[in-house]
Amino acid sequence: MVISEVSEKYGLTQDALRYYERVGLIPPVPRKPNGIRDYDDYSCGWVEFIHCMRNAGIPVEVLVEYVQLYQQGSKTKEARKDLLREELKRLDDRIAKLQATKERLVYKIENYDEFDKS
C-alpha cells in the first residue's frame, strides 16, 4: 500500500506517517525500487498499534522505547511487558479521573436549575 492509502485507511496525515517512521515510532517501511514507501501488513500493523496508543495518550517517548525494545528481540520481552503495564496503570488512572469528572458534570446538568437561580 502506498502512503496515501495508509493515510486514508487509518485517518492519519501522510506527514504523520512520515514522522512516525522518522522518529522510530514504527520500524522502517519497505520501499519500492523507485523509493516510494510500500506499506505491507507488518508496517500497517505497527501504524495501527501506534495510532491506537497515541489516541490513548501514551507519550511518543514511551512508544519509541517500546519499538526499540521490540527490535532487540525476545530478550526484551519482560521489559516490554513492564512498559505496557506501566502505561495501562496510567491509563486506568486517567479513566478514573475522567469518570469522576463525567459524574460531576452529569450531576451538575441534572441539578442545574437548583444551582443557577438567575
PDB file of N, CA and C in Angstrom:
ATOM      1  N   MET A   1       0.847  -1.176   0.000  1.00  0.00           N
ATOM      2  CA  MET A   1       0.000   0.000   0.000  1.00  0.00           C
ATOM      3  C   MET A   1       0.892   1.239   0.000  1.00  0.00           C
ATOM      4  N   VAL A   2       0.538   2.219  -0.762  1.00  0.00           N
ATOM      5  CA  VAL A   2       1.297   3.466  -0.768  1.00  0.00           C
ATOM      6  C   VAL A   2       0.816   4.346   0.387  1.00  0.00           C
ATOM      7  N   ILE A   3       1.586   5.373   0.686  1.00  0.00           N
ATOM      8  CA  ILE A   3       1.332   6.198   1.865  1.00  0.00           C
ATOM      9  C   ILE A   3      -0.057   6.846   1.832  1.00  0.00           C
ATOM     10  N   SER A   4      -0.540   7.235   0.668  1.00  0.00           N
ATOM     11  CA  SER A   4      -1.864   7.866   0.597  1.00  0.00           C
ATOM     12  C   SER A   4      -2.964   6.882   1.009  1.00  0.00           C
ATOM     13  N   GLU A   5      -2.807   5.620   0.651  1.00  0.00           N
ATOM     14  CA  GLU A   5      -3.792   4.606   1.030  1.00  0.00           C
ATOM     15  C   GLU A   5      -3.759   4.336   2.533  1.00  0.00           C
ATOM     16  N   VAL A   6      -2.566   4.277   3.092  1.00  0.00           N
ATOM     17  CA  VAL A   6      -2.428   4.050   4.534  1.00  0.00           C
ATOM     18  C   VAL A   6      -2.971   5.252   5.301  1.00  0.00           C
ATOM     19  N   SER A   7      -2.696   6.441   4.783  1.00  0.00           N
ATOM     20  CA  SER A   7      -3.196   7.670   5.381  1.00  0.00           C
ATOM     21  C   SER A   7      -4.721   7.645   5.467  1.00  0.00           C
ATOM     22  N   GLU A   8      -5.351   7.281   4.377  1.00  0.00           N
ATOM     23  CA  GLU A   8      -6.817   7.222   4.341  1.00  0.00           C
ATOM     24  C   GLU A   8      -7.347   6.108   5.243  1.00  0.00           C
ATOM     25  N   LYS A   9      -6.714   4.955   5.203  1.00  0.00           N
ATOM     26  CA  LYS A   9      -7.178   3.801   5.978  1.00  0.00           C
ATOM     27  C   LYS A   9      -7.189   4.078   7.476  1.00  0.00           C
ATOM     28  N   TYR A  10      -6.148   4.762   7.980  1.00  0.00           N
ATOM     29  CA  TYR A  10      -6.020   4.972   9.420  1.00  0.00           C
ATOM     30  C   TYR A  10      -6.379   6.387   9.874  1.00  0.00           C
ATOM     31  N   GLY A  11      -6.756   7.238   8.942  1.00  0.00           N
ATOM     32  CA  GLY A  11      -7.143   8.595   9.316  1.00  0.00           C
ATOM     33  C   GLY A  11      -5.978   9.422   9.833  1.00  0.00           C
ATOM     34  N   LEU A  12      -4.812   9.185   9.270  1.00  0.00           N
ATOM     35  CA  LEU A  12      -3.604   9.926   9.641  1.00  0.00           C
ATOM     36  C   LEU A  12      -3.123  10.702   8.423  1.00  0.00           C
ATOM     37  N   THR A  13      -2.468  11.810   8.664  1.00  0.00           N
ATOM     38  CA  THR A  13      -1.895  12.534   7.538  1.00  0.00           C
ATOM     39  C   THR A  13      -0.646  11.804   7.051  1.00  0.00           C
ATOM     40  N   GLN A  14      -0.298  12.073   5.824  1.00  0.00           N
ATOM     41  CA  GLN A  14       0.932  11.498   5.293  1.00  0.00           C
ATOM     42  C   GLN A  14       2.144  12.016   6.064  1.00  0.00           C
ATOM     43  N   ASP A  15       2.072  13.275   6.479  1.00  0.00           N
ATOM     44  CA  ASP A  15       3.160  13.825   7.294  1.00  0.00           C
ATOM     45  C   ASP A  15       3.293  13.078   8.614  1.00  0.00           C
ATOM     46  N   ALA A  16       2.167  12.724   9.221  1.00  0.00           N
ATOM     47  CA  ALA A  16       2.214  11.969  10.480  1.00  0.00           C
ATOM     48  C   ALA A  16       2.867  10.610  10.261  1.00  0.00           C
ATOM     49  N   LEU A  17       2.532   9.956   9.168  1.00  0.00           N
ATOM     50  CA  LEU A  17       3.121   8.648   8.877  1.00  0.00           C
ATOM     51  C   LEU A  17       4.630   8.767   8.663  1.00  0.00           C
ATOM     52  N   ARG A  18       5.049   9.805   7.964  1.00  0.00           N
ATOM     53  CA  ARG A  18       6.489  10.016   7.766  1.00  0.00           C
ATOM     54  C   ARG A  18       7.176  10.298   9.103  1.00  0.00           C
ATOM     55  N   TYR A  19       6.521  11.091   9.934  1.00  0.00           N
ATOM     56  CA  TYR A  19       7.044  11.406  11.267  1.00  0.00           C
ATOM     57  C   TYR A  19       7.176  10.136  12.105  1.00  0.00           C
ATOM     58  N   TYR A  20       6.137   9.306  12.100  1.00  0.00           N
ATOM     59  CA  TYR A  20       6.179   8.046  12.851  1.00  0.00           C
ATOM     60  C   TYR A  20       7.433   7.246  12.493  1.00  0.00           C
ATOM     61  N   GLU A  21       7.721   7.186  11.213  1.00  0.00           N
ATOM     62  CA  GLU A  21       8.889   6.427  10.765  1.00  0.00           C
ATOM     63  C   GLU A  21      10.187   7.141  11.124  1.00  0.00           C
ATOM     64  N   ARG A  22      10.224   8.443  10.920  1.00  0.00           N
ATOM     65  CA  ARG A  22      11.449   9.213  11.149  1.00  0.00           C
ATOM     66  C   ARG A  22      11.912   9.157  12.601  1.00  0.00           C
ATOM     67  N   VAL A  23      10.956   9.234  13.560  1.00  0.00           N
ATOM     68  CA  VAL A  23      11.351   9.257  14.971  1.00  0.00           C
ATOM     69  C   VAL A  23      11.424   7.865  15.587  1.00  0.00           C
ATOM     70  N   GLY A  24      11.099   6.843  14.821  1.00  0.00           N
ATOM     71  CA  GLY A  24      11.204   5.485  15.324  1.00  0.00           C
ATOM     72  C   GLY A  24       9.957   4.953  15.995  1.00  0.00           C
ATOM     73  N   LEU A  25       8.812   5.582  15.752  1.00  0.00           N
ATOM     74  CA  LEU A  25       7.558   5.058  16.288  1.00  0.00           C
ATOM     75  C   LEU A  25       7.130   3.786  15.571  1.00  0.00           C
ATOM     76  N   ILE A  26       7.528   3.663  14.319  1.00  0.00           N
ATOM     77  CA  ILE A  26       7.307   2.423  13.572  1.00  0.00           C
ATOM     78  C   ILE A  26       8.640   2.038  12.935  1.00  0.00           C
ATOM     79  N   PRO A  27       8.859   0.749  12.772  1.00  0.00           N
ATOM     80  CA  PRO A  27      10.085   0.322  12.090  1.00  0.00           C
ATOM     81  C   PRO A  27      10.113   0.857  10.654  1.00  0.00           C
ATOM     82  N   PRO A  28      11.302   0.919  10.056  1.00  0.00           N
ATOM     83  CA  PRO A  28      11.390   1.415   8.671  1.00  0.00           C
ATOM     84  C   PRO A  28      10.440   0.668   7.732  1.00  0.00           C
ATOM     85  N   VAL A  29       9.758   1.443   6.914  1.00  0.00           N
ATOM     86  CA  VAL A  29       8.786   0.890   5.967  1.00  0.00           C
ATOM     87  C   VAL A  29       9.536   0.454   4.709  1.00  0.00           C
ATOM     88  N   PRO A  30       9.211  -0.740   4.184  1.00  0.00           N
ATOM     89  CA  PRO A  30       9.850  -1.170   2.925  1.00  0.00           C
ATOM     90  C   PRO A  30       9.565  -0.162   1.813  1.00  0.00           C
ATOM     91  N   ARG A  31      10.453  -0.123   0.853  1.00  0.00           N
ATOM     92  CA  ARG A  31      10.283   0.807  -0.271  1.00  0.00           C
ATOM     93  C   ARG A  31      10.346   0.068  -1.597  1.00  0.00           C
ATOM     94  N   LYS A  32       9.633   0.620  -2.555  1.00  0.00           N
ATOM     95  CA  LYS A  32       9.686   0.106  -3.920  1.00  0.00           C
ATOM     96  C   LYS A  32      11.031   0.514  -4.527  1.00  0.00           C
ATOM     97  N   PRO A  33      11.410  -0.084  -5.650  1.00  0.00           N
ATOM     98  CA  PRO A  33      12.690   0.287  -6.291  1.00  0.00           C
ATOM     99  C   PRO A  33      12.822   1.784  -6.574  1.00  0.00           C
ATOM    100  N   ASN A  34      11.695   2.464  -6.781  1.00  0.00           N
ATOM    101  CA  ASN A  34      11.734   3.903  -7.066  1.00  0.00           C
ATOM    102  C   ASN A  34      11.762   4.754  -5.787  1.00  0.00           C
ATOM    103  N   GLY A  35      11.822   4.103  -4.609  1.00  0.00           N
ATOM    104  CA  GLY A  35      11.922   4.824  -3.338  1.00  0.00           C
ATOM    105  C   GLY A  35      10.607   5.114  -2.652  1.00  0.00           C
ATOM    106  N   ILE A  36       9.497   4.812  -3.295  1.00  0.00           N
ATOM    107  CA  ILE A  36       8.171   5.054  -2.712  1.00  0.00           C
ATOM    108  C   ILE A  36       7.928   4.040  -1.590  1.00  0.00           C
ATOM    109  N   ARG A  37       7.398   4.533  -0.458  1.00  0.00           N
ATOM    110  CA  ARG A  37       7.070   3.628   0.643  1.00  0.00           C
ATOM    111  C   ARG A  37       6.028   2.621   0.192  1.00  0.00           C
ATOM    112  N   ASP A  38       6.225   1.372   0.615  1.00  0.00           N
ATOM    113  CA  ASP A  38       5.329   0.279   0.245  1.00  0.00           C
ATOM    114  C   ASP A  38       4.914  -0.450   1.527  1.00  0.00           C
ATOM    115  N   TYR A  39       3.875   0.065   2.169  1.00  0.00           N
ATOM    116  CA  TYR A  39       3.423  -0.470   3.448  1.00  0.00           C
ATOM    117  C   TYR A  39       2.871  -1.882   3.265  1.00  0.00           C
ATOM    118  N   ASP A  40       3.478  -2.833   3.965  1.00  0.00           N
ATOM    119  CA  ASP A  40       2.976  -4.206   3.950  1.00  0.00           C
ATOM    120  C   ASP A  40       2.131  -4.429   5.207  1.00  0.00           C
ATOM    121  N   ASP A  41       1.637  -5.640   5.396  1.00  0.00           N
ATOM    122  CA  ASP A  41       0.803  -5.929   6.565  1.00  0.00           C
ATOM    123  C   ASP A  41       1.543  -5.658   7.866  1.00  0.00           C
ATOM    124  N   TYR A  42       2.822  -5.980   7.907  1.00  0.00           N
ATOM    125  CA  TYR A  42       3.640  -5.746   9.100  1.00  0.00           C
ATOM    126  C   TYR A  42       3.693  -4.251   9.427  1.00  0.00           C
ATOM    127  N   SER A  43       3.990  -3.442   8.421  1.00  0.00           N
ATOM    128  CA  SER A  43       4.061  -1.990   8.619  1.00  0.00           C
ATOM    129  C   SER A  43       2.705  -1.424   9.041  1.00  0.00           C
ATOM    130  N   CYS A  44       1.652  -1.888   8.401  1.00  0.00           N
ATOM    131  CA  CYS A  44       0.306  -1.419   8.741  1.00  0.00           C
ATOM    132  C   CYS A  44      -0.069  -1.812  10.163  1.00  0.00           C
ATOM    133  N   GLY A  45       0.363  -2.981  10.594  1.00  0.00           N
ATOM    134  CA  GLY A  45       0.121  -3.398  11.975  1.00  0.00           C
ATOM    135  C   GLY A  45       0.760  -2.438  12.966  1.00  0.00           C
ATOM    136  N   TRP A  46       1.976  -2.009  12.668  1.00  0.00           N
ATOM    137  CA  TRP A  46       2.642  -1.034  13.526  1.00  0.00           C
ATOM    138  C   TRP A  46       1.926   0.314  13.497  1.00  0.00           C
ATOM    139  N   VAL A  47       1.513   0.749  12.318  1.00  0.00           N
ATOM    140  CA  VAL A  47       0.797   2.027  12.214  1.00  0.00           C
ATOM    141  C   VAL A  47      -0.468   1.973  13.059  1.00  0.00           C
ATOM    142  N   GLU A  48      -1.221   0.905  12.936  1.00  0.00           N
ATOM    143  CA  GLU A  48      -2.467   0.767  13.698  1.00  0.00           C
ATOM    144  C   GLU A  48      -2.187   0.763  15.197  1.00  0.00           C
ATOM    145  N   PHE A  49      -1.174   0.023  15.630  1.00  0.00           N
ATOM    146  CA  PHE A  49      -0.820  -0.061  17.045  1.00  0.00           C
ATOM    147  C   PHE A  49      -0.421   1.309  17.593  1.00  0.00           C
ATOM    148  N   ILE A  50       0.476   1.982  16.905  1.00  0.00           N
ATOM    149  CA  ILE A  50       0.953   3.284  17.376  1.00  0.00           C
ATOM    150  C   ILE A  50      -0.177   4.308  17.371  1.00  0.00           C
ATOM    151  N   HIS A  51      -1.002   4.286  16.342  1.00  0.00           N
ATOM    152  CA  HIS A  51      -2.147   5.210  16.270  1.00  0.00           C
ATOM    153  C   HIS A  51      -3.076   4.990  17.463  1.00  0.00           C
ATOM    154  N   CYS A  52      -3.358   3.753  17.772  1.00  0.00           N
ATOM    155  CA  CYS A  52      -4.213   3.411  18.910  1.00  0.00           C
ATOM    156  C   CYS A  52      -3.590   3.894  20.222  1.00  0.00           C
ATOM    157  N   MET A  53      -2.304   3.638  20.397  1.00  0.00           N
ATOM    158  CA  MET A  53      -1.620   4.030  21.630  1.00  0.00           C
ATOM    159  C   MET A  53      -1.539   5.552  21.777  1.00  0.00           C
ATOM    160  N   ARG A  54      -1.308   6.254  20.679  1.00  0.00           N
ATOM    161  CA  ARG A  54      -1.272   7.719  20.726  1.00  0.00           C
ATOM    162  C   ARG A  54      -2.654   8.273  21.053  1.00  0.00           C
ATOM    163  N   ASN A  55      -3.710   7.662  20.499  1.00  0.00           N
ATOM    164  CA  ASN A  55      -5.071   8.093  20.825  1.00  0.00           C
ATOM    165  C   ASN A  55      -5.376   7.913  22.301  1.00  0.00           C
ATOM    166  N   ALA A  56      -4.719   6.966  22.935  1.00  0.00           N
ATOM    167  CA  ALA A  56      -4.900   6.726  24.363  1.00  0.00           C
ATOM    168  C   ALA A  56      -4.038   7.659  25.205  1.00  0.00           C
ATOM    169  N   GLY A  57      -3.219   8.463  24.536  1.00  0.00           N
ATOM    170  CA  GLY A  57      -2.412   9.438  25.258  1.00  0.00           C
ATOM    171  C   GLY A  57      -1.042   8.948  25.684  1.00  0.00           C
ATOM    172  N   ILE A  58      -0.623   7.809  25.191  1.00  0.00           N
ATOM    173  CA  ILE A  58       0.692   7.297  25.557  1.00  0.00           C
ATOM    174  C   ILE A  58       1.752   8.170  24.875  1.00  0.00           C
ATOM    175  N   PRO A  59       2.729   8.647  25.639  1.00  0.00           N
ATOM    176  CA  PRO A  59       3.731   9.565  25.087  1.00  0.00           C
ATOM    177  C   PRO A  59       4.580   8.937  23.984  1.00  0.00           C
ATOM    178  N   VAL A  60       4.994   9.776  23.058  1.00  0.00           N
ATOM    179  CA  VAL A  60       5.847   9.353  21.947  1.00  0.00           C
ATOM    180  C   VAL A  60       7.101   8.664  22.476  1.00  0.00           C
ATOM    181  N   GLU A  61       7.710   9.250  23.507  1.00  0.00           N
ATOM    182  CA  GLU A  61       8.966   8.710  24.035  1.00  0.00           C
ATOM    183  C   GLU A  61       8.805   7.273  24.521  1.00  0.00           C
ATOM    184  N   VAL A  62       7.692   6.989  25.153  1.00  0.00           N
ATOM    185  CA  VAL A  62       7.422   5.636  25.646  1.00  0.00           C
ATOM    186  C   VAL A  62       7.279   4.673  24.473  1.00  0.00           C
ATOM    187  N   LEU A  63       6.590   5.110  23.445  1.00  0.00           N
ATOM    188  CA  LEU A  63       6.374   4.247  22.290  1.00  0.00           C
ATOM    189  C   LEU A  63       7.657   4.025  21.503  1.00  0.00           C
ATOM    190  N   VAL A  64       8.492   5.039  21.406  1.00  0.00           N
ATOM    191  CA  VAL A  64       9.788   4.874  20.744  1.00  0.00           C
ATOM    192  C   VAL A  64      10.615   3.847  21.510  1.00  0.00           C
ATOM    193  N   GLU A  65      10.606   3.951  22.838  1.00  0.00           N
ATOM    194  CA  GLU A  65      11.330   2.974  23.661  1.00  0.00           C
ATOM    195  C   GLU A  65      10.790   1.562  23.425  1.00  0.00           C
ATOM    196  N   TYR A  66       9.473   1.445  23.358  1.00  0.00           N
ATOM    197  CA  TYR A  66       8.853   0.135  23.121  1.00  0.00           C
ATOM    198  C   TYR A  66       9.318  -0.447  21.782  1.00  0.00           C
ATOM    199  N   VAL A  67       9.296   0.361  20.735  1.00  0.00           N
ATOM    200  CA  VAL A  67       9.706  -0.112  19.410  1.00  0.00           C
ATOM    201  C   VAL A  67      11.177  -0.524  19.429  1.00  0.00           C
ATOM    202  N   GLN A  68      12.008   0.277  20.077  1.00  0.00           N
ATOM    203  CA  GLN A  68      13.429  -0.070  20.170  1.00  0.00           C
ATOM    204  C   GLN A  68      13.627  -1.395  20.901  1.00  0.00           C
ATOM    205  N   LEU A  69      12.904  -1.586  21.991  1.00  0.00           N
ATOM    206  CA  LEU A  69      12.995  -2.855  22.725  1.00  0.00           C
ATOM    207  C   LEU A  69      12.521  -4.011  21.847  1.00  0.00           C
ATOM    208  N   TYR A  70      11.423  -3.796  21.134  1.00  0.00           N
ATOM    209  CA  TYR A  70      10.879  -4.841  20.264  1.00  0.00           C
ATOM    210  C   TYR A  70      11.915  -5.268  19.225  1.00  0.00           C
ATOM    211  N   GLN A  71      12.592  -4.292  18.675  1.00  0.00           N
ATOM    212  CA  GLN A  71      13.566  -4.590  17.621  1.00  0.00           C
ATOM    213  C   GLN A  71      14.795  -5.343  18.154  1.00  0.00           C
ATOM    214  N   GLN A  72      14.988  -5.322  19.469  1.00  0.00           N
ATOM    215  CA  GLN A  72      16.100  -6.064  20.072  1.00  0.00           C
ATOM    216  C   GLN A  72      15.769  -7.539  20.269  1.00  0.00           C
ATOM    217  N   GLY A  73      14.519  -7.907  20.064  1.00  0.00           N
ATOM    218  CA  GLY A  73      14.152  -9.316  20.102  1.00  0.00           C
ATOM    219  C   GLY A  73      13.581  -9.789  21.424  1.00  0.00           C
ATOM    220  N   SER A  74      13.486 -11.105  21.533  1.00  0.00           N
ATOM    221  CA  SER A  74      12.786 -11.735  22.653  1.00  0.00           C
ATOM    222  C   SER A  74      13.437 -11.500  24.009  1.00  0.00           C
ATOM    223  N   LYS A  75      14.709 -11.139  24.023  1.00  0.00           N
ATOM    224  CA  LYS A  75      15.379 -10.891  25.305  1.00  0.00           C
ATOM    225  C   LYS A  75      14.782  -9.681  26.036  1.00  0.00           C
ATOM    226  N   THR A  76      14.013  -8.854  25.330  1.00  0.00           N
ATOM    227  CA  THR A  76      13.407  -7.663  25.938  1.00  0.00           C
ATOM    228  C   THR A  76      11.921  -7.856  26.242  1.00  0.00           C
ATOM    229  N   LYS A  77      11.447  -9.068  26.136  1.00  0.00           N
ATOM    230  CA  LYS A  77      10.016  -9.341  26.319  1.00  0.00           C
ATOM    231  C   LYS A  77       9.495  -8.820  27.659  1.00  0.00           C
ATOM    232  N   GLU A  78      10.200  -9.106  28.743  1.00  0.00           N
ATOM    233  CA  GLU A  78       9.735  -8.667  30.065  1.00  0.00           C
ATOM    234  C   GLU A  78       9.778  -7.150  30.198  1.00  0.00           C
ATOM    235  N   ALA A  79      10.804  -6.524  29.654  1.00  0.00           N
ATOM    236  CA  ALA A  79      10.897  -5.059  29.696  1.00  0.00           C
ATOM    237  C   ALA A  79       9.732  -4.431  28.937  1.00  0.00           C
ATOM    238  N   ARG A  80       9.376  -5.024  27.806  1.00  0.00           N
ATOM    239  CA  ARG A  80       8.243  -4.505  27.022  1.00  0.00           C
ATOM    240  C   ARG A  80       6.941  -4.676  27.781  1.00  0.00           C
ATOM    241  N   LYS A  81       6.771  -5.830  28.388  1.00  0.00           N
ATOM    242  CA  LYS A  81       5.550  -6.065  29.173  1.00  0.00           C
ATOM    243  C   LYS A  81       5.465  -5.092  30.343  1.00  0.00           C
ATOM    244  N   ASP A  82       6.591  -4.849  31.001  1.00  0.00           N
ATOM    245  CA  ASP A  82       6.603  -3.897  32.117  1.00  0.00           C
ATOM    246  C   ASP A  82       6.224  -2.503  31.649  1.00  0.00           C
ATOM    247  N   LEU A  83       6.768  -2.105  30.523  1.00  0.00           N
ATOM    248  CA  LEU A  83       6.450  -0.798  29.965  1.00  0.00           C
ATOM    249  C   LEU A  83       4.955  -0.688  29.672  1.00  0.00           C
ATOM    250  N   LEU A  84       4.392  -1.722  29.071  1.00  0.00           N
ATOM    251  CA  LEU A  84       2.960  -1.719  28.766  1.00  0.00           C
ATOM    252  C   LEU A  84       2.114  -1.730  30.033  1.00  0.00           C
ATOM    253  N   ARG A  85       2.563  -2.454  31.049  1.00  0.00           N
ATOM    254  CA  ARG A  85       1.835  -2.467  32.331  1.00  0.00           C
ATOM    255  C   ARG A  85       1.815  -1.074  32.964  1.00  0.00           C
ATOM    256  N   GLU A  86       2.948  -0.384  32.917  1.00  0.00           N
ATOM    257  CA  GLU A  86       3.014   0.978  33.459  1.00  0.00           C
ATOM    258  C   GLU A  86       2.031   1.892  32.737  1.00  0.00           C
ATOM    259  N   GLU A  87       1.992   1.778  31.427  1.00  0.00           N
ATOM    260  CA  GLU A  87       1.080   2.627  30.655  1.00  0.00           C
ATOM    261  C   GLU A  87      -0.379   2.258  30.905  1.00  0.00           C
ATOM    262  N   LEU A  88      -0.651   0.989  31.110  1.00  0.00           N
ATOM    263  CA  LEU A  88      -2.018   0.567  31.447  1.00  0.00           C
ATOM    264  C   LEU A  88      -2.439   1.170  32.777  1.00  0.00           C
ATOM    265  N   LYS A  89      -1.545   1.190  33.752  1.00  0.00           N
ATOM    266  CA  LYS A  89      -1.847   1.791  35.059  1.00  0.00           C
ATOM    267  C   LYS A  89      -2.136   3.276  34.893  1.00  0.00           C
ATOM    268  N   ARG A  90      -1.295   3.972  34.115  1.00  0.00           N
ATOM    269  CA  ARG A  90      -1.530   5.399  33.880  1.00  0.00           C
ATOM    270  C   ARG A  90      -2.870   5.631  33.183  1.00  0.00           C
ATOM    271  N   LEU A  91      -3.184   4.771  32.226  1.00  0.00           N
ATOM    272  CA  LEU A  91      -4.456   4.888  31.503  1.00  0.00           C
ATOM    273  C   LEU A  91      -5.636   4.638  32.433  1.00  0.00           C
ATOM    274  N   ASP A  92      -5.525   3.630  33.288  1.00  0.00           N
ATOM    275  CA  ASP A  92      -6.590   3.361  34.268  1.00  0.00           C
ATOM    276  C   ASP A  92      -6.799   4.559  35.189  1.00  0.00           C
ATOM    277  N   ASP A  93      -5.706   5.187  35.626  1.00  0.00           N
ATOM    278  CA  ASP A  93      -5.806   6.382  36.470  1.00  0.00           C
ATOM    279  C   ASP A  93      -6.505   7.520  35.733  1.00  0.00           C
ATOM    280  N   ARG A  94      -6.141   7.721  34.463  1.00  0.00           N
ATOM    281  CA  ARG A  94      -6.781   8.776  33.663  1.00  0.00           C
ATOM    282  C   ARG A  94      -8.264   8.499  33.474  1.00  0.00           C
ATOM    283  N   ILE A  95      -8.597   7.243  33.221  1.00  0.00           N
ATOM    284  CA  ILE A  95     -10.004   6.876  33.031  1.00  0.00           C
ATOM    285  C   ILE A  95     -10.792   7.145  34.304  1.00  0.00           C
ATOM    286  N   ALA A  96     -10.221   6.811  35.459  1.00  0.00           N
ATOM    287  CA  ALA A  96     -10.907   7.046  36.732  1.00  0.00           C
ATOM    288  C   ALA A  96     -11.151   8.545  36.943  1.00  0.00           C
ATOM    289  N   LYS A  97     -10.160   9.377  36.624  1.00  0.00           N
ATOM    290  CA  LYS A  97     -10.324  10.823  36.759  1.00  0.00           C
ATOM    291  C   LYS A  97     -11.374  11.355  35.785  1.00  0.00           C
ATOM    292  N   LEU A  98     -11.340  10.847  34.554  1.00  0.00           N
ATOM    293  CA  LEU A  98     -12.349  11.265  33.573  1.00  0.00           C
ATOM    294  C   LEU A  98     -13.750  10.826  33.990  1.00  0.00           C
ATOM    295  N   GLN A  99     -13.873   9.641  34.556  1.00  0.00           N
ATOM    296  CA  GLN A  99     -15.172   9.149  35.018  1.00  0.00           C
ATOM    297  C   GLN A  99     -15.703  10.029  36.144  1.00  0.00           C
ATOM    298  N   ALA A 100     -14.828  10.423  37.064  1.00  0.00           N
ATOM    299  CA  ALA A 100     -15.247  11.311  38.162  1.00  0.00           C
ATOM    300  C   ALA A 100     -15.712  12.655  37.616  1.00  0.00           C
ATOM    301  N   THR A 101     -14.996  13.179  36.637  1.00  0.00           N
ATOM    302  CA  THR A 101     -15.385  14.441  36.013  1.00  0.00           C
ATOM    303  C   THR A 101     -16.724  14.297  35.301  1.00  0.00           C
ATOM    304  N   LYS A 102     -16.903  13.192  34.614  1.00  0.00           N
ATOM    305  CA  LYS A 102     -18.167  12.949  33.914  1.00  0.00           C
ATOM    306  C   LYS A 102     -19.322  12.895  34.904  1.00  0.00           C
ATOM    307  N   GLU A 103     -19.135  12.193  36.001  1.00  0.00           N
ATOM    308  CA  GLU A 103     -20.189  12.090  37.012  1.00  0.00           C
ATOM    309  C   GLU A 103     -20.527  13.458  37.591  1.00  0.00           C
ATOM    310  N   ARG A 104     -19.508  14.291  37.807  1.00  0.00           N
ATOM    311  CA  ARG A 104     -19.758  15.630  38.329  1.00  0.00           C
ATOM    312  C   ARG A 104     -20.545  16.461  37.331  1.00  0.00           C
ATOM    313  N   LEU A 105     -20.197  16.365  36.049  1.00  0.00           N
ATOM    314  CA  LEU A 105     -20.932  17.099  35.023  1.00  0.00           C
ATOM    315  C   LEU A 105     -22.380  16.623  34.918  1.00  0.00           C
ATOM    316  N   VAL A 106     -22.592  15.330  34.946  1.00  0.00           N
ATOM    317  CA  VAL A 106     -23.949  14.789  34.888  1.00  0.00           C
ATOM    318  C   VAL A 106     -24.768  15.313  36.065  1.00  0.00           C
ATOM    319  N   TYR A 107     -24.190  15.290  37.244  1.00  0.00           N
ATOM    320  CA  TYR A 107     -24.877  15.788  38.437  1.00  0.00           C
ATOM    321  C   TYR A 107     -25.219  17.265  38.273  1.00  0.00           C
ATOM    322  N   LYS A 108     -24.254  18.047  37.806  1.00  0.00           N
ATOM    323  CA  LYS A 108     -24.483  19.483  37.648  1.00  0.00           C
ATOM    324  C   LYS A 108     -25.579  19.746  36.618  1.00  0.00           C
ATOM    325  N   ILE A 109     -25.551  19.024  35.510  1.00  0.00           N
ATOM    326  CA  ILE A 109     -26.577  19.208  34.471  1.00  0.00           C
ATOM    327  C   ILE A 109     -27.953  18.816  34.997  1.00  0.00           C
ATOM    328  N   GLU A 110     -28.019  17.679  35.680  1.00  0.00           N
ATOM    329  CA  GLU A 110     -29.312  17.210  36.199  1.00  0.00           C
ATOM    330  C   GLU A 110     -29.875  18.145  37.263  1.00  0.00           C
ATOM    331  N   ASN A 111     -29.028  18.868  37.954  1.00  0.00           N
ATOM    332  CA  ASN A 111     -29.468  19.743  39.040  1.00  0.00           C
ATOM    333  C   ASN A 111     -29.196  21.213  38.727  1.00  0.00           C
ATOM    334  N   TYR A 112     -29.089  21.528  37.463  1.00  0.00           N
ATOM    335  CA  TYR A 112     -28.673  22.858  37.058  1.00  0.00           C
ATOM    336  C   TYR A 112     -29.597  23.959  37.567  1.00  0.00           C
ATOM    337  N   ASP A 113     -30.876  23.730  37.497  1.00  0.00           N
ATOM    338  CA  ASP A 113     -31.824  24.760  37.917  1.00  0.00           C
ATOM    339  C   ASP A 113     -31.692  25.079  39.400  1.00  0.00           C
ATOM    340  N   GLU A 114     -31.321  24.113  40.219  1.00  0.00           N
ATOM    341  CA  GLU A 114     -31.120  24.360  41.640  1.00  0.00           C
ATOM    342  C   GLU A 114     -29.878  25.191  41.898  1.00  0.00           C
ATOM    343  N   PHE A 115     -28.852  25.021  41.064  1.00  0.00           N
ATOM    344  CA  PHE A 115     -27.589  25.729  41.252  1.00  0.00           C
ATOM    345  C   PHE A 115     -27.629  27.139  40.701  1.00  0.00           C
ATOM    346  N   ASP A 116     -28.370  27.358  39.632  1.00  0.00           N
ATOM    347  CA  ASP A 116     -28.395  28.651  38.959  1.00  0.00           C
ATOM    348  C   ASP A 116     -29.741  29.319  39.202  1.00  0.00           C
ATOM    349  N   LYS A 117     -29.757  30.271  40.083  1.00  0.00           N
ATOM    350  CA  LYS A 117     -31.012  30.941  40.449  1.00  0.00           C
ATOM    351  C   LYS A 117     -31.257  32.210  39.634  1.00  0.00           C
ATOM    352  N   SER A 118     -30.400  32.508  38.654  1.00  0.00           N
ATOM    353  CA  SER A 118     -30.589  33.757  37.897  1.00  0.00           C
ATOM    354  C   SER A 118     -31.558  33.583  36.759  1.00  0.00           C
TER     355      SER A 118
END
